Amino acid sequence: MNEQPNTQETEMESQPTKAAPQIAVPVPKVQPKTAPDTNRSGDQAGSAATAGRSPEATVETKIEIGKLDFFYGRTRALKSISLDIPAAQVTAFIGPSGCGKSTLIRTLNRMNDVIPGTRVEGRIAIDGKDIYAPGTDVVLLRRRVGMVFQKANPFPRSIFDNVAYGLKINQMTKSKSELADRVETSLKAAALWEEVKDRLKESALGLSGGQQQRICIARALAVEPDVLLMDEPTSALDPIATQKIEELIAELKNQYTIVIVTHNMQQAARVSDRTALFWLGEMIEFNTTEKVFTKPDKQMTEDYITGRFG
């Protein structure tokens, strides 16, 4: 689901000053300060992580984003975004609706290219290679950078054919037995094999919502991507299905670089290693998830985490 640019100003100062509601996250709560401060220039620079650079110099960077601007026509939806996304970790993008987080995640495999009137300025590199450079093979890029959307979108085909789809169109297997093995491996990776191994010829549309989302994850994993993007993958699921997806994310991060967009701050705290907060197209803060939720560098981050706005 594309986020449309939000050009309305939020009148934070006019909101009541009563104590903000606290959210349950598996880290110590942040104590609200006396007043919100949206002036980024007044804060100390702190660490390089706040400016978007990896907090740990030893962590391998998978995706480099440098001074990225994104436009829907004349509307600037992303404003000079710079951050390094580490390999083999989960990075969460959080922020209120319209802040640009889904627009940003879709730039990472050029899904926004299909929207008329859009353009990108700046640089995004995966493994050091600019994905917006002339001559980039976008089909190959999207195979390397898989995508799971907010609403499960299985094809009206069998469970087997859903998972095998990318393998077939990319001619990635040489025999039926190899294809079957790859489908089984992908379903196991998506923690779904035991639930569907006797139903592979049945329609994927007959599965539950949570199972359909895991079918989509298996389909993305089948083509062996390096990066897995998840745009609010559990927002339409019940708590039990959500828990299974979160457990799956924890397992997959050992093999893949994962970027997840979520409105659920508890989920960001549970599943991610690093978190970036966005507001009206700007990145407010990027750091380890523990630091963002316990001792953020920016007052606006603290206000959002504690529920004072958003």
Protein backbone atom coordinates (compact mmCIF):
# COMPACT_ATOMS: atom_id res chain seq x y z
CA MET A 1 0.00 0.00 0.00
CA ASN A 2 1.56 3.23 -1.10
CA GLU A 3 1.60 6.09 1.37
CA GLN A 4 0.47 9.32 -0.16
CA PRO A 5 2.42 12.37 0.84
CA ASN A 6 1.08 14.25 3.86
CA THR A 7 1.59 17.95 3.58
CA GLN A 8 -0.58 18.96 6.55
CA GLU A 9 1.23 20.38 9.53
CA THR A 10 0.64 18.69 12.85
CA GLU A 11 -0.17 21.13 15.64
CA MET A 12 1.60 19.40 18.46
CA GLU A 13 1.63 22.41 20.74
CA SER A 14 -2.18 22.52 20.87
CA GLN A 15 -2.52 19.00 22.25
CA PRO A 16 -3.33 18.49 25.94
CA THR A 17 -0.38 18.33 28.27
CA LYS A 18 -1.73 15.49 30.39
CA ALA A 19 0.57 12.56 30.99
CA ALA A 20 1.05 10.48 27.88
CA PRO A 21 -0.16 6.87 27.80
CA GLN A 22 2.58 4.30 28.17
CA ILE A 23 2.89 1.39 25.78
CA ALA A 24 4.00 -2.08 26.71
CA VAL A 25 7.33 -2.85 25.11
CA PRO A 26 9.87 -5.46 26.22
CA VAL A 27 12.33 -2.78 27.25
CA PRO A 28 12.27 -0.19 30.07
CA LYS A 29 9.79 2.63 29.61
CA VAL A 30 10.90 6.11 28.65
CA GLN A 31 9.94 8.80 31.14
CA PRO A 32 8.21 11.72 29.41
CA LYS A 33 9.92 15.05 29.62
CA THR A 34 8.19 18.31 30.33
CA ALA A 35 7.56 19.55 26.79
CA PRO A 36 7.95 18.33 23.22
CA ASP A 37 10.77 19.72 21.16
CA THR A 38 10.60 19.30 17.40
CA ASN A 39 13.71 21.39 16.70
CA ARG A 40 16.24 18.91 15.46
CA SER A 41 19.03 21.45 15.17
CA GLY A 42 18.89 22.11 18.91
CA ASP A 43 19.83 18.55 19.82
CA GLN A 44 23.38 17.42 20.17
CA ALA A 45 24.72 15.32 17.37
CA GLY A 46 25.27 12.43 19.79
CA SER A 47 26.35 9.39 17.86
CA ALA A 48 26.78 8.82 14.16
CA ALA A 49 23.81 6.47 14.39
CA THR A 50 21.40 9.35 14.98
CA ALA A 51 22.47 10.82 11.65
CA GLY A 52 21.78 7.49 9.99
CA ARG A 53 25.16 5.79 10.18
CA SER A 54 25.59 2.39 11.75
CA PRO A 55 26.18 2.61 15.54
CA GLU A 56 28.77 -0.16 15.38
CA ALA A 57 31.68 0.21 13.02
CA THR A 58 32.15 -3.58 12.90
CA VAL A 59 28.65 -4.25 11.54
CA GLU A 60 28.57 -5.01 7.83
CA THR A 61 26.40 -2.61 5.86
CA LYS A 62 24.05 -4.18 3.33
CA ILE A 63 22.12 -1.13 2.10
CA GLU A 64 23.47 2.42 1.92
CA ILE A 65 21.00 5.27 1.50
CA GLY A 66 22.52 8.68 0.86
CA LYS A 67 20.71 12.03 0.69
CA LEU A 68 17.63 10.41 -0.79
CA ASP A 69 14.75 12.59 -1.99
CA PHE A 70 11.58 11.14 -3.47
CA PHE A 71 8.91 13.06 -5.34
CA TYR A 72 5.30 12.37 -6.27
CA GLY A 73 5.06 14.95 -9.03
CA ARG A 74 6.07 18.21 -7.33
CA THR A 75 5.46 16.89 -3.81
CA ARG A 76 8.62 15.96 -1.95
CA ALA A 77 7.68 12.86 0.05
CA LEU A 78 11.16 11.97 1.33
CA LYS A 79 13.65 14.62 2.40
CA SER A 80 17.37 13.93 2.33
CA ILE A 81 17.26 10.48 3.95
CA SER A 82 20.63 8.98 4.83
CA LEU A 83 21.15 5.72 6.71
CA ASP A 84 23.07 2.47 6.54
CA ILE A 85 21.05 -0.73 6.96
CA PRO A 86 23.16 -3.54 8.44
CA ALA A 87 23.31 -7.04 7.02
CA ALA A 88 21.66 -10.03 8.71
CA GLN A 89 19.61 -7.88 11.06
CA VAL A 90 16.05 -6.56 11.26
CA THR A 91 15.61 -2.83 10.73
CA ALA A 92 12.21 -1.33 11.57
CA PHE A 93 10.74 1.85 10.10
CA ILE A 94 8.18 3.45 12.41
CA GLY A 95 6.17 6.66 12.37
CA PRO A 96 2.61 7.91 11.87
CA SER A 97 0.65 7.45 8.65
CA GLY A 98 1.95 9.59 5.81
CA CYS A 99 5.45 9.94 7.22
CA GLY A 100 7.13 8.26 4.24
CA LYS A 101 8.17 4.90 5.66
CA SER A 102 6.34 2.77 3.05
CA THR A 103 7.52 5.06 0.27
CA LEU A 104 11.09 4.54 1.48
CA ILE A 105 10.89 0.76 1.72
CA ARG A 106 9.52 0.61 -1.82
CA THR A 107 12.49 2.56 -3.15
CA LEU A 108 14.73 -0.31 -2.03
CA ASN A 109 13.55 -2.56 -4.88
CA ARG A 110 12.21 0.22 -7.12
CA MET A 111 8.55 -0.68 -6.66
CA ASN A 112 7.73 3.01 -6.93
CA ASP A 113 8.93 3.00 -10.55
CA VAL A 114 5.49 1.86 -11.68
CA ILE A 115 3.81 5.02 -10.29
CA PRO A 116 3.55 7.75 -12.96
CA GLY A 117 5.17 11.08 -12.17
CA THR A 118 7.55 9.87 -9.48
CA ARG A 119 11.27 10.49 -9.36
CA VAL A 120 14.23 9.75 -7.09
CA GLU A 121 17.24 11.90 -6.28
CA GLY A 122 20.17 10.68 -4.21
CA ARG A 123 21.71 7.23 -3.93
CA ILE A 124 20.73 3.74 -2.78
CA ALA A 125 23.41 1.06 -2.96
CA ILE A 126 23.10 -2.63 -2.15
CA ASP A 127 26.44 -4.34 -1.59
CA GLY A 128 28.05 -1.15 -2.88
CA LYS A 129 26.17 -1.06 -6.21
CA ASP A 130 23.82 1.84 -7.00
CA ILE A 131 20.42 0.31 -7.78
CA TYR A 132 19.31 3.47 -9.63
CA ALA A 133 22.35 3.54 -11.91
CA PRO A 134 21.64 3.47 -15.67
CA GLY A 135 21.43 -0.06 -17.00
CA THR A 136 20.30 -1.62 -13.73
CA ASP A 137 18.40 -4.87 -14.29
CA VAL A 138 15.24 -4.16 -12.29
CA VAL A 139 13.94 -7.72 -12.65
CA LEU A 140 17.14 -9.08 -11.16
CA LEU A 141 17.02 -6.42 -8.45
CA ARG A 142 13.52 -7.47 -7.39
CA ARG A 143 14.64 -11.08 -7.29
CA ARG A 144 17.45 -10.12 -4.94
CA VAL A 145 15.20 -7.86 -2.87
CA GLY A 146 11.96 -9.68 -2.11
CA MET A 147 8.79 -7.95 -0.93
CA VAL A 148 5.94 -8.99 1.35
CA PHE A 149 2.97 -6.63 1.34
CA GLN A 150 0.49 -5.51 3.97
CA LYS A 151 -2.29 -7.71 2.63
CA ALA A 152 -1.49 -11.29 1.67
CA ASN A 153 -1.70 -11.63 -2.10
CA PRO A 154 -1.49 -15.32 -3.03
CA PHE A 155 -2.23 -16.16 -6.65
CA PRO A 156 -5.45 -18.06 -7.46
CA ARG A 157 -3.40 -21.20 -7.93
CA SER A 158 -2.36 -24.21 -5.91
CA ILE A 159 -0.12 -23.86 -2.88
CA PHE A 160 2.68 -25.55 -4.82
CA ASP A 161 2.32 -23.30 -7.86
CA ASN A 162 2.32 -20.17 -5.69
CA VAL A 163 5.71 -21.00 -4.23
CA ALA A 164 7.08 -22.33 -7.51
CA TYR A 165 5.99 -19.28 -9.53
CA GLY A 166 9.21 -17.27 -9.31
CA LEU A 167 11.33 -20.36 -9.85
CA LYS A 168 9.47 -21.19 -13.05
CA ILE A 169 9.38 -17.75 -14.67
CA ASN A 170 13.08 -17.23 -13.87
CA GLN A 171 13.96 -20.76 -15.04
CA MET A 172 15.87 -21.38 -11.83
CA THR A 173 15.47 -25.17 -11.72
CA LYS A 174 16.49 -27.89 -14.16
CA SER A 175 14.08 -30.67 -13.24
CA LYS A 176 10.73 -31.33 -11.60
CA SER A 177 12.44 -32.97 -8.65
CA GLU A 178 14.66 -29.92 -8.09
CA LEU A 179 11.59 -27.68 -8.31
CA ALA A 180 9.76 -29.81 -5.74
CA ASP A 181 12.78 -29.69 -3.43
CA ARG A 182 13.01 -25.91 -3.68
CA VAL A 183 9.29 -25.53 -2.93
CA GLU A 184 9.60 -27.78 0.11
CA THR A 185 12.67 -25.91 1.34
CA SER A 186 10.90 -22.57 0.98
CA LEU A 187 7.78 -23.75 2.79
CA LYS A 188 9.94 -25.07 5.62
CA ALA A 189 11.77 -21.74 5.78
CA ALA A 190 8.39 -20.02 6.08
CA ALA A 191 7.37 -22.42 8.88
CA LEU A 192 4.46 -23.70 6.81
CA TRP A 193 5.53 -27.09 5.47
CA GLU A 194 3.99 -29.21 8.23
CA GLU A 195 0.67 -27.43 7.83
CA VAL A 196 0.34 -27.81 4.05
CA LYS A 197 2.53 -30.73 2.95
CA ASP A 198 -0.56 -32.89 2.29
CA ARG A 199 -2.46 -30.05 0.58
CA LEU A 200 0.00 -28.79 -2.02
CA LYS A 201 -2.46 -29.20 -4.89
CA GLU A 202 -5.21 -27.25 -3.11
CA SER A 203 -5.83 -23.57 -3.80
CA ALA A 204 -3.80 -21.16 -1.70
CA LEU A 205 -6.93 -19.03 -1.40
CA GLY A 206 -8.39 -21.66 0.94
CA LEU A 207 -5.74 -21.01 3.58
CA SER A 208 -6.18 -18.76 6.61
CA GLY A 209 -4.95 -15.17 6.50
CA GLY A 210 -1.81 -15.99 8.44
CA GLN A 211 -1.06 -19.00 6.26
CA GLN A 212 -1.59 -16.94 3.12
CA GLN A 213 0.93 -14.39 4.37
CA ARG A 214 3.45 -17.16 5.03
CA ILE A 215 2.79 -18.52 1.51
CA CYS A 216 3.77 -15.08 0.21
CA ILE A 217 6.92 -15.17 2.35
CA ALA A 218 7.75 -18.65 1.02
CA ARG A 219 7.22 -17.39 -2.54
CA ALA A 220 9.65 -14.52 -1.89
CA LEU A 221 12.23 -16.85 -0.30
CA ALA A 222 12.06 -19.40 -3.12
CA VAL A 223 14.12 -17.24 -5.47
CA GLU A 224 16.82 -16.87 -2.80
CA PRO A 225 16.87 -13.10 -2.20
CA ASP A 226 19.52 -11.26 -0.21
CA VAL A 227 17.05 -8.79 1.31
CA LEU A 228 13.46 -9.22 2.45
CA LEU A 229 11.20 -6.16 2.67
CA MET A 230 8.01 -6.36 4.75
CA ASP A 231 5.46 -3.56 4.52
CA GLU A 232 3.22 -3.96 7.59
CA PRO A 233 3.05 -7.76 7.12
CA THR A 234 0.88 -8.44 10.18
CA SER A 235 -1.48 -5.46 10.25
CA ALA A 236 -4.40 -7.55 8.93
CA LEU A 237 -3.68 -10.65 11.03
CA ASP A 238 -4.97 -11.91 14.37
CA PRO A 239 -2.61 -12.08 17.38
CA ILE A 240 -1.79 -15.78 16.95
CA ALA A 241 -0.90 -15.38 13.26
CA THR A 242 1.06 -12.23 14.11
CA GLN A 243 3.11 -14.15 16.68
CA LYS A 244 3.98 -16.82 14.11
CA ILE A 245 5.15 -14.20 11.62
CA GLU A 246 7.26 -12.49 14.28
CA GLU A 247 8.85 -15.79 15.27
CA LEU A 248 9.57 -16.43 11.61
CA ILE A 249 11.23 -13.02 11.24
CA ALA A 250 13.50 -13.84 14.19
CA GLU A 251 14.60 -17.04 12.46
CA LEU A 252 15.02 -15.54 9.00
CA LYS A 253 17.27 -12.67 10.08
CA ASN A 254 20.16 -15.11 10.46
CA GLN A 255 20.10 -15.58 6.68
CA TYR A 256 18.56 -12.40 5.30
CA THR A 257 18.68 -8.66 5.77
CA ILE A 258 15.13 -7.70 6.75
CA VAL A 259 13.49 -4.28 6.63
CA ILE A 260 10.02 -4.01 8.14
CA VAL A 261 7.52 -1.15 8.18
CA THR A 262 5.19 -1.24 11.17
CA HIS A 263 2.72 1.02 12.96
CA ASN A 264 2.98 -1.28 15.98
CA MET A 265 5.72 0.00 18.28
CA GLN A 266 5.54 -3.10 20.47
CA GLN A 267 6.24 -5.17 17.37
CA ALA A 268 9.21 -2.99 16.43
CA ALA A 269 10.59 -3.46 19.94
CA ARG A 270 10.10 -7.22 19.79
CA VAL A 271 11.50 -8.09 16.36
CA SER A 272 14.00 -5.42 15.29
CA ASP A 273 17.65 -4.80 16.01
CA ARG A 274 17.55 -1.19 14.81
CA THR A 275 14.73 1.31 14.48
CA ALA A 276 14.30 4.47 12.44
CA LEU A 277 11.57 7.02 13.21
CA PHE A 278 10.11 9.07 10.35
CA TRP A 279 7.99 12.22 10.45
CA LEU A 280 6.62 14.15 7.44
CA GLY A 281 9.20 12.70 5.08
CA GLU A 282 12.19 13.21 7.37
CA MET A 283 14.14 10.66 9.36
CA ILE A 284 14.13 11.89 12.94
CA GLU A 285 16.33 9.25 14.54
CA PHE A 286 18.03 5.94 13.72
CA ASN A 287 19.73 3.79 16.31
CA THR A 288 19.65 0.43 18.02
CA THR A 289 16.10 -0.48 18.98
CA GLU A 290 16.99 -0.65 22.64
CA LYS A 291 18.37 2.89 22.62
CA VAL A 292 15.45 4.28 20.61
CA PHE A 293 12.97 2.85 23.11
CA THR A 294 14.89 3.53 26.33
CA LYS A 295 17.08 6.59 25.79
CA PRO A 296 16.41 8.29 22.46
CA ASP A 297 18.56 11.21 21.38
CA LYS A 298 15.62 13.26 20.12
CA GLN A 299 12.75 14.67 22.13
CA MET A 300 10.35 13.99 19.25
CA THR A 301 11.29 10.30 19.34
CA GLU A 302 10.51 10.13 23.04
CA ASP A 303 7.19 11.90 22.52
CA TYR A 304 6.19 9.46 19.78
CA ILE A 305 7.29 6.38 21.71
CA THR A 306 5.34 7.48 24.79
CA GLY A 307 2.22 8.23 22.77
CA ARG A 308 2.16 12.02 23.01
CA PHE A 309 1.42 12.22 19.27
CA GLY A 310 1.01 9.99 16.25
